[in-house]
Amino acid sequence: MTRTAVFFATLVLLTGAAIAHHGWGSYDAAKPVTVMGPILTSKFENPHATITVRGADRVWTVTLAPTSRMTSRGAVAAVVAVGNDVTAFGYPSTVENNEMRAERIIVADKTYEMR
């Protein structure tokens, strides 16, 4: 009985994580965008860190890499802190207006690869 309960609990947790994590197919790699401006909000959490950036034409939600990848490449939470100026290069969402997936970001003249 206990093994069955543990199995189903694990299945529910894994299913929830899979639903929460979106694929990259909903971004248009044929239309790269660059967004430059101050970081307005920052969430340094999994499955992906996200920031909002006041670009020249609108506020963008920028999906970054998983925090473990960012940290291993030097892009710690302080790099994507509110108030820092950022340049994000990536691809716009085909589903959500004003959202993009970043391939790389530049903060304080240092480039951080997200892929």
N, C-alpha and C. Protein backbone atom coordinates (compact mmCIF):
# COMPACT_ATOMS: atom_id res chain seq x y z
N MET A 1 0.82 -1.19 0.00
CA MET A 1 0.00 0.00 0.00
C MET A 1 0.87 1.26 0.00
N THR A 2 1.92 1.27 0.81
CA THR A 2 2.79 2.44 0.90
C THR A 2 3.52 2.69 -0.41
N ARG A 3 4.01 1.66 -1.06
CA ARG A 3 4.69 1.82 -2.34
C ARG A 3 3.77 2.42 -3.38
N THR A 4 2.53 1.99 -3.37
CA THR A 4 1.55 2.52 -4.33
C THR A 4 1.32 4.01 -4.07
N ALA A 5 1.18 4.39 -2.83
CA ALA A 5 0.97 5.79 -2.48
C ALA A 5 2.18 6.64 -2.88
N VAL A 6 3.37 6.14 -2.62
CA VAL A 6 4.59 6.86 -3.00
C VAL A 6 4.68 6.99 -4.52
N PHE A 7 4.35 5.92 -5.23
CA PHE A 7 4.38 5.96 -6.69
C PHE A 7 3.45 7.04 -7.22
N PHE A 8 2.21 7.07 -6.74
CA PHE A 8 1.25 8.05 -7.24
C PHE A 8 1.61 9.48 -6.83
N ALA A 9 2.16 9.64 -5.65
CA ALA A 9 2.59 10.97 -5.22
C ALA A 9 3.73 11.48 -6.10
N THR A 10 4.66 10.60 -6.42
CA THR A 10 5.77 10.96 -7.31
C THR A 10 5.25 11.29 -8.70
N LEU A 11 4.33 10.51 -9.20
CA LEU A 11 3.73 10.75 -10.51
C LEU A 11 3.06 12.11 -10.57
N VAL A 12 2.33 12.47 -9.54
CA VAL A 12 1.66 13.78 -9.49
C VAL A 12 2.69 14.90 -9.48
N LEU A 13 3.74 14.77 -8.70
CA LEU A 13 4.77 15.81 -8.64
C LEU A 13 5.48 15.98 -9.97
N LEU A 14 5.84 14.88 -10.61
CA LEU A 14 6.53 14.97 -11.90
C LEU A 14 5.63 15.52 -12.98
N THR A 15 4.37 15.18 -12.97
CA THR A 15 3.43 15.70 -13.96
C THR A 15 3.29 17.20 -13.79
N GLY A 16 3.20 17.67 -12.54
CA GLY A 16 3.09 19.10 -12.29
C GLY A 16 4.31 19.85 -12.78
N ALA A 17 5.49 19.28 -12.56
CA ALA A 17 6.72 19.93 -13.04
C ALA A 17 6.76 19.99 -14.55
N ALA A 18 6.32 18.93 -15.21
CA ALA A 18 6.32 18.91 -16.67
C ALA A 18 5.34 19.94 -17.23
N ILE A 19 4.21 20.10 -16.59
CA ILE A 19 3.24 21.09 -17.05
C ILE A 19 3.77 22.50 -16.83
N ALA A 20 4.44 22.74 -15.71
CA ALA A 20 4.95 24.07 -15.40
C ALA A 20 6.07 24.47 -16.34
N HIS A 21 6.83 23.51 -16.85
CA HIS A 21 7.95 23.81 -17.74
C HIS A 21 7.45 23.80 -19.18
N HIS A 22 7.67 24.89 -19.87
CA HIS A 22 7.21 25.00 -21.25
C HIS A 22 8.36 24.67 -22.19
N GLY A 23 8.01 24.28 -23.38
CA GLY A 23 9.02 23.98 -24.38
C GLY A 23 9.46 25.24 -25.10
N TRP A 24 10.51 25.11 -25.90
CA TRP A 24 11.03 26.25 -26.64
C TRP A 24 10.38 26.41 -28.00
N GLY A 25 9.47 25.51 -28.38
CA GLY A 25 8.82 25.58 -29.67
C GLY A 25 7.91 26.77 -29.85
N SER A 26 7.56 27.44 -28.77
CA SER A 26 6.65 28.58 -28.86
C SER A 26 7.39 29.92 -29.01
N TYR A 27 8.64 29.86 -29.44
CA TYR A 27 9.42 31.08 -29.70
C TYR A 27 9.85 31.09 -31.16
N ASP A 28 9.84 32.25 -31.77
CA ASP A 28 10.10 32.37 -33.20
C ASP A 28 11.56 32.72 -33.46
N ALA A 29 12.39 31.69 -33.72
CA ALA A 29 13.82 31.89 -33.94
C ALA A 29 14.10 32.63 -35.25
N ALA A 30 13.11 32.76 -36.12
CA ALA A 30 13.29 33.48 -37.38
C ALA A 30 13.16 34.99 -37.21
N LYS A 31 12.76 35.43 -36.02
CA LYS A 31 12.56 36.86 -35.77
C LYS A 31 13.28 37.30 -34.50
N PRO A 32 14.61 37.27 -34.50
CA PRO A 32 15.34 37.65 -33.28
C PRO A 32 15.06 39.10 -32.88
N VAL A 33 15.06 39.33 -31.57
CA VAL A 33 14.85 40.66 -31.03
C VAL A 33 15.94 40.97 -30.02
N THR A 34 16.22 42.26 -29.88
CA THR A 34 17.13 42.74 -28.85
C THR A 34 16.38 43.75 -28.01
N VAL A 35 16.37 43.55 -26.71
CA VAL A 35 15.69 44.44 -25.78
C VAL A 35 16.74 45.03 -24.86
N MET A 36 16.73 46.36 -24.76
CA MET A 36 17.69 47.06 -23.90
C MET A 36 16.93 47.95 -22.94
N GLY A 37 17.35 47.93 -21.66
CA GLY A 37 16.73 48.81 -20.69
C GLY A 37 16.95 48.34 -19.27
N PRO A 38 16.32 49.04 -18.33
CA PRO A 38 16.47 48.67 -16.92
C PRO A 38 15.60 47.46 -16.56
N ILE A 39 16.11 46.66 -15.64
CA ILE A 39 15.35 45.52 -15.12
C ILE A 39 14.36 46.06 -14.09
N LEU A 40 13.08 45.76 -14.32
CA LEU A 40 12.01 46.23 -13.42
C LEU A 40 11.67 45.22 -12.35
N THR A 41 11.65 43.94 -12.71
CA THR A 41 11.41 42.86 -11.75
C THR A 41 12.35 41.71 -12.08
N SER A 42 12.64 40.89 -11.07
CA SER A 42 13.55 39.77 -11.26
C SER A 42 13.11 38.62 -10.37
N LYS A 43 13.00 37.43 -10.98
CA LYS A 43 12.71 36.20 -10.24
C LYS A 43 13.82 35.21 -10.56
N PHE A 44 14.69 34.99 -9.61
CA PHE A 44 15.82 34.07 -9.78
C PHE A 44 15.42 32.73 -9.17
N GLU A 45 14.56 32.00 -9.91
CA GLU A 45 14.03 30.73 -9.41
C GLU A 45 13.80 29.80 -10.60
N ASN A 46 13.66 28.52 -10.29
CA ASN A 46 13.44 27.52 -11.33
C ASN A 46 11.95 27.39 -11.64
N PRO A 47 11.57 26.95 -12.85
CA PRO A 47 12.44 26.28 -13.80
C PRO A 47 13.33 27.23 -14.59
N HIS A 48 12.98 28.51 -14.68
CA HIS A 48 13.81 29.49 -15.38
C HIS A 48 13.72 30.81 -14.64
N ALA A 49 14.83 31.50 -14.57
CA ALA A 49 14.80 32.86 -14.05
C ALA A 49 14.07 33.74 -15.07
N THR A 50 13.39 34.75 -14.58
CA THR A 50 12.71 35.70 -15.47
C THR A 50 12.94 37.11 -14.98
N ILE A 51 12.98 38.02 -15.92
CA ILE A 51 13.07 39.44 -15.60
C ILE A 51 12.07 40.19 -16.46
N THR A 52 11.67 41.36 -16.01
CA THR A 52 10.94 42.26 -16.89
C THR A 52 11.84 43.45 -17.15
N VAL A 53 11.82 43.90 -18.40
CA VAL A 53 12.73 44.96 -18.85
C VAL A 53 11.92 46.04 -19.55
N ARG A 54 12.17 47.28 -19.17
CA ARG A 54 11.52 48.40 -19.86
C ARG A 54 12.33 48.68 -21.12
N GLY A 55 11.84 48.16 -22.24
CA GLY A 55 12.49 48.40 -23.53
C GLY A 55 12.07 49.75 -24.09
N ALA A 56 12.56 50.07 -25.25
CA ALA A 56 12.25 51.35 -25.89
C ALA A 56 10.77 51.47 -26.23
N ASP A 57 10.15 50.34 -26.60
CA ASP A 57 8.76 50.39 -27.08
C ASP A 57 7.74 49.80 -26.12
N ARG A 58 8.18 48.98 -25.14
CA ARG A 58 7.26 48.32 -24.23
C ARG A 58 8.02 47.62 -23.13
N VAL A 59 7.29 47.09 -22.17
CA VAL A 59 7.89 46.27 -21.12
C VAL A 59 7.85 44.82 -21.58
N TRP A 60 9.01 44.18 -21.54
CA TRP A 60 9.16 42.80 -21.98
C TRP A 60 9.35 41.88 -20.78
N THR A 61 8.77 40.69 -20.86
CA THR A 61 9.11 39.61 -19.94
C THR A 61 10.18 38.78 -20.64
N VAL A 62 11.32 38.62 -19.99
CA VAL A 62 12.45 37.92 -20.58
C VAL A 62 12.69 36.63 -19.80
N THR A 63 12.51 35.51 -20.48
CA THR A 63 12.77 34.20 -19.88
C THR A 63 14.24 33.88 -20.05
N LEU A 64 14.89 33.60 -18.93
CA LEU A 64 16.32 33.31 -18.93
C LEU A 64 16.54 31.80 -18.77
N ALA A 65 17.74 31.41 -18.45
CA ALA A 65 18.10 30.00 -18.27
C ALA A 65 17.72 29.53 -16.87
N PRO A 66 17.79 28.22 -16.62
CA PRO A 66 17.65 27.72 -15.26
C PRO A 66 18.73 28.35 -14.36
N THR A 67 18.41 28.55 -13.11
CA THR A 67 19.35 29.23 -12.21
C THR A 67 20.67 28.49 -12.06
N SER A 68 20.66 27.16 -12.12
CA SER A 68 21.93 26.42 -11.99
C SER A 68 22.86 26.73 -13.15
N ARG A 69 22.31 26.82 -14.36
CA ARG A 69 23.13 27.15 -15.53
C ARG A 69 23.63 28.59 -15.43
N MET A 70 22.75 29.49 -15.02
CA MET A 70 23.16 30.89 -14.91
C MET A 70 24.28 31.05 -13.89
N THR A 71 24.12 30.42 -12.74
CA THR A 71 25.13 30.51 -11.68
C THR A 71 26.46 29.95 -12.15
N SER A 72 26.44 28.81 -12.86
CA SER A 72 27.69 28.21 -13.33
C SER A 72 28.40 29.09 -14.35
N ARG A 73 27.66 30.00 -14.98
CA ARG A 73 28.25 30.90 -15.97
C ARG A 73 28.48 32.31 -15.42
N GLY A 74 28.29 32.45 -14.11
CA GLY A 74 28.58 33.73 -13.47
C GLY A 74 27.41 34.69 -13.40
N ALA A 75 26.28 34.31 -13.92
CA ALA A 75 25.10 35.19 -13.91
C ALA A 75 24.28 34.90 -12.66
N VAL A 76 24.82 35.33 -11.52
CA VAL A 76 24.15 35.13 -10.24
C VAL A 76 22.99 36.12 -10.10
N ALA A 77 22.22 35.97 -9.05
CA ALA A 77 21.04 36.82 -8.86
C ALA A 77 21.37 38.31 -8.91
N ALA A 78 22.52 38.71 -8.39
CA ALA A 78 22.90 40.12 -8.39
C ALA A 78 23.07 40.67 -9.81
N VAL A 79 23.42 39.82 -10.75
CA VAL A 79 23.59 40.26 -12.15
C VAL A 79 22.26 40.70 -12.74
N VAL A 80 21.19 39.98 -12.40
CA VAL A 80 19.87 40.29 -12.96
C VAL A 80 18.98 40.98 -11.92
N ALA A 81 19.60 41.77 -11.05
CA ALA A 81 18.86 42.46 -9.99
C ALA A 81 18.10 43.66 -10.56
N VAL A 82 17.01 43.98 -9.89
CA VAL A 82 16.21 45.15 -10.26
C VAL A 82 17.09 46.39 -10.27
N GLY A 83 16.93 47.18 -11.33
CA GLY A 83 17.68 48.42 -11.47
C GLY A 83 18.88 48.32 -12.39
N ASN A 84 19.42 47.11 -12.58
CA ASN A 84 20.53 46.94 -13.52
C ASN A 84 20.05 47.14 -14.94
N ASP A 85 20.90 47.73 -15.77
CA ASP A 85 20.60 47.83 -17.19
C ASP A 85 21.04 46.55 -17.87
N VAL A 86 20.22 46.06 -18.79
CA VAL A 86 20.49 44.80 -19.47
C VAL A 86 20.21 44.94 -20.96
N THR A 87 20.96 44.20 -21.74
CA THR A 87 20.65 44.00 -23.15
C THR A 87 20.39 42.51 -23.30
N ALA A 88 19.21 42.16 -23.78
CA ALA A 88 18.84 40.76 -23.95
C ALA A 88 18.62 40.49 -25.44
N PHE A 89 19.30 39.47 -25.95
CA PHE A 89 19.12 39.05 -27.33
C PHE A 89 18.43 37.70 -27.31
N GLY A 90 17.36 37.55 -28.10
CA GLY A 90 16.65 36.28 -28.12
C GLY A 90 15.52 36.27 -29.11
N TYR A 91 14.49 35.51 -28.77
CA TYR A 91 13.40 35.26 -29.71
C TYR A 91 12.06 35.54 -29.06
N PRO A 92 11.16 36.20 -29.80
CA PRO A 92 9.85 36.53 -29.24
C PRO A 92 8.94 35.30 -29.14
N SER A 93 8.06 35.33 -28.18
CA SER A 93 7.07 34.27 -28.02
C SER A 93 6.03 34.36 -29.12
N THR A 94 5.57 33.22 -29.56
CA THR A 94 4.47 33.19 -30.53
C THR A 94 3.13 33.06 -29.80
N VAL A 95 3.18 32.95 -28.48
CA VAL A 95 1.98 32.75 -27.68
C VAL A 95 1.66 33.96 -26.81
N GLU A 96 2.67 34.47 -26.12
CA GLU A 96 2.49 35.57 -25.17
C GLU A 96 3.03 36.88 -25.76
N ASN A 97 2.21 37.91 -25.76
CA ASN A 97 2.68 39.23 -26.19
C ASN A 97 3.76 39.72 -25.25
N ASN A 98 4.74 40.39 -25.78
CA ASN A 98 5.78 41.05 -24.99
C ASN A 98 6.62 40.09 -24.15
N GLU A 99 6.76 38.85 -24.63
CA GLU A 99 7.62 37.90 -23.94
C GLU A 99 8.66 37.38 -24.91
N MET A 100 9.86 37.11 -24.39
CA MET A 100 10.94 36.58 -25.21
C MET A 100 11.76 35.60 -24.40
N ARG A 101 12.47 34.72 -25.11
CA ARG A 101 13.43 33.79 -24.52
C ARG A 101 14.81 34.33 -24.86
N ALA A 102 15.62 34.56 -23.86
CA ALA A 102 16.95 35.13 -24.09
C ALA A 102 17.96 34.04 -24.44
N GLU A 103 18.73 34.29 -25.47
CA GLU A 103 19.88 33.45 -25.82
C GLU A 103 21.11 33.92 -25.06
N ARG A 104 21.20 35.23 -24.90
CA ARG A 104 22.31 35.81 -24.15
C ARG A 104 21.86 37.16 -23.59
N ILE A 105 22.53 37.57 -22.52
CA ILE A 105 22.29 38.89 -21.95
C ILE A 105 23.63 39.57 -21.73
N ILE A 106 23.60 40.89 -21.72
CA ILE A 106 24.78 41.68 -21.41
C ILE A 106 24.42 42.60 -20.25
N VAL A 107 25.21 42.54 -19.20
CA VAL A 107 25.03 43.39 -18.02
C VAL A 107 26.40 43.92 -17.65
N ALA A 108 26.51 45.24 -17.51
CA ALA A 108 27.77 45.89 -17.13
C ALA A 108 28.91 45.44 -18.05
N ASP A 109 28.64 45.45 -19.36
CA ASP A 109 29.63 45.11 -20.39
C ASP A 109 30.14 43.68 -20.34
N LYS A 110 29.44 42.79 -19.63
CA LYS A 110 29.81 41.38 -19.59
C LYS A 110 28.68 40.57 -20.22
N THR A 111 29.05 39.65 -21.12
CA THR A 111 28.08 38.82 -21.81
C THR A 111 27.92 37.48 -21.09
N TYR A 112 26.66 37.08 -20.91
CA TYR A 112 26.33 35.80 -20.28
C TYR A 112 25.49 34.99 -21.25
N GLU A 113 25.95 33.80 -21.59
CA GLU A 113 25.20 32.92 -22.48
C GLU A 113 24.15 32.18 -21.67
N MET A 114 22.93 32.12 -22.22
CA MET A 114 21.84 31.46 -21.53
C MET A 114 21.64 30.02 -22.00
N ARG A 115 22.16 29.67 -23.20
CA ARG A 115 21.97 28.31 -23.71
C ARG A 115 23.16 27.45 -23.45
